[in-house]
C-alpha atoms as a PDB file:
ATOM      1  CA  MET A   1       9.904 -19.066 -71.671  1.00  0.00           C
ATOM      2  CA  LYS A   2      10.036 -22.031 -69.349  1.00  0.00           C
ATOM      3  CA  ARG A   3      11.611 -22.147 -65.916  1.00  0.00           C
ATOM      4  CA  PHE A   4      14.151 -24.758 -64.938  1.00  0.00           C
ATOM      5  CA  MET A   5      15.861 -25.498 -61.622  1.00  0.00           C
ATOM      6  CA  VAL A   6      19.454 -26.545 -62.245  1.00  0.00           C
ATOM      7  CA  THR A   7      21.601 -28.338 -59.683  1.00  0.00           C
ATOM      8  CA  PHE A   8      25.316 -27.734 -60.096  1.00  0.00           C
ATOM      9  CA  GLN A   9      28.088 -29.875 -58.696  1.00  0.00           C
ATOM     10  CA  VAL A  10      31.256 -28.097 -57.594  1.00  0.00           C
ATOM     11  CA  ALA A  11      34.028 -30.605 -56.947  1.00  0.00           C
ATOM     12  CA  GLY A  12      37.693 -30.567 -56.096  1.00  0.00           C
ATOM     13  CA  ASP A  13      39.764 -31.472 -59.130  1.00  0.00           C
ATOM     14  CA  ASP A  14      43.315 -32.050 -57.913  1.00  0.00           C
ATOM     15  CA  GLU A  15      45.119 -34.356 -55.470  1.00  0.00           C
ATOM     16  CA  MET A  16      44.675 -31.959 -52.556  1.00  0.00           C
ATOM     17  CA  ASN A  17      40.897 -31.645 -52.725  1.00  0.00           C
ATOM     18  CA  ARG A  18      39.583 -34.618 -54.726  1.00  0.00           C
ATOM     19  CA  GLY A  19      36.513 -36.014 -52.984  1.00  0.00           C
ATOM     20  CA  ILE A  20      35.230 -32.621 -51.830  1.00  0.00           C
ATOM     21  CA  ILE A  21      31.905 -32.192 -53.611  1.00  0.00           C
ATOM     22  CA  TYR A  22      29.161 -29.630 -53.019  1.00  0.00           C
ATOM     23  CA  THR A  23      25.934 -28.886 -54.843  1.00  0.00           C
ATOM     24  CA  THR A  24      23.931 -25.719 -55.287  1.00  0.00           C
ATOM     25  CA  GLN A  25      20.803 -24.807 -57.230  1.00  0.00           C
ATOM     26  CA  LYS A  26      19.950 -21.908 -59.480  1.00  0.00           C
ATOM     27  CA  GLU A  27      16.831 -21.099 -61.495  1.00  0.00           C
ATOM     28  CA  PHE A  28      17.016 -20.333 -65.221  1.00  0.00           C
ATOM     29  CA  GLU A  29      14.553 -19.417 -67.941  1.00  0.00           C
ATOM     30  CA  SER A  30      14.887 -20.808 -71.445  1.00  0.00           C
ATOM     31  CA  GLU A  31      12.694 -21.617 -74.433  1.00  0.00           C
ATOM     32  CA  ASN A  32      13.467 -25.323 -74.153  1.00  0.00           C
ATOM     33  CA  LEU A  33      15.899 -27.841 -72.727  1.00  0.00           C
ATOM     34  CA  ASP A  34      18.252 -27.775 -75.719  1.00  0.00           C
ATOM     35  CA  LYS A  35      18.681 -23.998 -75.456  1.00  0.00           C
ATOM     36  CA  LEU A  36      19.186 -24.336 -71.711  1.00  0.00           C
ATOM     37  CA  PHE A  37      22.064 -26.769 -72.315  1.00  0.00           C
ATOM     38  CA  VAL A  38      23.707 -24.200 -74.611  1.00  0.00           C
ATOM     39  CA  LEU A  39      23.191 -21.433 -72.038  1.00  0.00           C
ATOM     40  CA  LEU A  40      24.711 -23.560 -69.274  1.00  0.00           C
ATOM     41  CA  GLU A  41      27.700 -24.755 -71.307  1.00  0.00           C
ATOM     42  CA  GLU A  42      28.540 -21.247 -72.481  1.00  0.00           C
ATOM     43  CA  GLY A  43      27.953 -19.736 -69.028  1.00  0.00           C
ATOM     44  CA  ILE A  44      30.247 -22.208 -67.292  1.00  0.00           C
ATOM     45  CA  GLU A  45      32.902 -21.808 -69.994  1.00  0.00           C
ATOM     46  CA  ASN A  46      32.935 -17.984 -69.990  1.00  0.00           C
ATOM     47  CA  GLU A  47      32.315 -17.836 -66.204  1.00  0.00           C
ATOM     48  CA  SER A  48      29.101 -15.817 -66.448  1.00  0.00           C
ATOM     49  CA  ILE A  49      27.602 -18.685 -64.416  1.00  0.00           C
ATOM     50  CA  GLN A  50      29.629 -19.263 -61.231  1.00  0.00           C
ATOM     51  CA  PRO A  51      27.935 -21.699 -58.858  1.00  0.00           C
ATOM     52  CA  GLU A  52      31.201 -22.066 -56.940  1.00  0.00           C
ATOM     53  CA  ILE A  53      30.475 -18.775 -55.147  1.00  0.00           C
ATOM     54  CA  ASP A  54      27.391 -20.373 -53.543  1.00  0.00           C
ATOM     55  CA  VAL A  55      29.211 -23.269 -51.847  1.00  0.00           C
ATOM     56  CA  PRO A  56      31.941 -23.475 -49.206  1.00  0.00           C
ATOM     57  CA  PHE A  57      35.363 -22.527 -50.564  1.00  0.00           C
ATOM     58  CA  ILE A  58      37.392 -25.359 -52.064  1.00  0.00           C
ATOM     59  CA  GLU A  59      41.108 -24.624 -52.215  1.00  0.00           C
ATOM     60  CA  GLY A  60      42.857 -25.636 -55.429  1.00  0.00           C
ATOM     61  CA  ASP A  61      41.415 -26.620 -58.789  1.00  0.00           C
ATOM     62  CA  ILE A  62      37.684 -27.216 -59.103  1.00  0.00           C
ATOM     63  CA  ASN A  63      35.328 -28.723 -61.649  1.00  0.00           C
ATOM     64  CA  VAL A  64      31.836 -27.270 -62.187  1.00  0.00           C
ATOM     65  CA  GLU A  65      29.076 -29.256 -63.888  1.00  0.00           C
ATOM     66  CA  TYR A  66      25.312 -29.175 -64.077  1.00  0.00           C
ATOM     67  CA  VAL A  67      24.094 -32.542 -62.807  1.00  0.00           C
ATOM     68  CA  LEU A  68      20.305 -32.285 -62.407  1.00  0.00           C
ATOM     69  CA  ILE A  69      17.603 -30.266 -64.130  1.00  0.00           C
ATOM     70  CA  HIS A  70      13.996 -30.056 -62.952  1.00  0.00           C
ATOM     71  CA  ASP A  71      11.087 -28.427 -64.759  1.00  0.00           C
ATOM     72  CA  ASP A  72       8.443 -26.084 -63.293  1.00  0.00           C
ATOM     73  CA  ASN A  73       6.555 -29.086 -61.908  1.00  0.00           C
ATOM     74  CA  LYS A  74       9.684 -30.289 -60.052  1.00  0.00           C
ATOM     75  CA  LYS A  75       9.945 -33.253 -62.414  1.00  0.00           C
ATOM     76  CA  GLU A  76      13.492 -34.394 -63.053  1.00  0.00           C
ATOM     77  CA  ILE A  77      14.129 -34.024 -66.781  1.00  0.00           C
ATOM     78  CA  TYR A  78      17.904 -34.436 -66.841  1.00  0.00           C
ATOM     79  CA  ARG A  79      20.403 -36.325 -64.677  1.00  0.00           C
ATOM     80  CA  ASP A  80      24.122 -36.600 -65.353  1.00  0.00           C
ATOM     81  CA  GLU A  81      24.839 -40.325 -65.466  1.00  0.00           C
ATOM     82  CA  ASP A  82      27.908 -39.887 -63.210  1.00  0.00           C
ATOM     83  CA  PHE A  83      26.135 -37.888 -60.495  1.00  0.00           C
ATOM     84  CA  ASP A  84      25.975 -39.681 -57.124  1.00  0.00           C
ATOM     85  CA  GLU A  85      24.220 -37.804 -54.307  1.00  0.00           C
ATOM     86  CA  SER A  86      25.833 -40.040 -51.703  1.00  0.00           C
ATOM     87  CA  LYS A  87      29.252 -38.509 -52.506  1.00  0.00           C
ATOM     88  CA  VAL A  88      28.190 -34.899 -51.851  1.00  0.00           C
ATOM     89  CA  SER A  89      30.083 -33.359 -48.914  1.00  0.00           C
ATOM     90  CA  LYS A  90      28.234 -31.907 -45.971  1.00  0.00           C
ATOM     91  CA  PRO A  91      29.255 -28.284 -45.219  1.00  0.00           C
ATOM     92  CA  ARG A  92      31.203 -27.972 -41.996  1.00  0.00           C
ATOM     93  CA  SER A  93      29.636 -25.929 -39.197  1.00  0.00           C
ATOM     94  CA  LEU A  94      31.673 -23.127 -37.690  1.00  0.00           C
END
């Protein structure tokens, strides 16, 4: 099994919260990248993977996607073509 570090994007998905975007990372083990994609797709769909609990609460509808994947050597091996780090929101301090 190989280890992968996956960066998820959690973004507002309705008029009220569009433009609110956070990221969080989680480590996964998988035989290869193709099997990791299946694991991630199924996990997001059936909600066994819930990165939204690791970011500040976003009221309303949200969209969850994996946007970056790094291997054990911290080499980027996948990047969603629409992912733009400059649009990620900074958490507000209390």
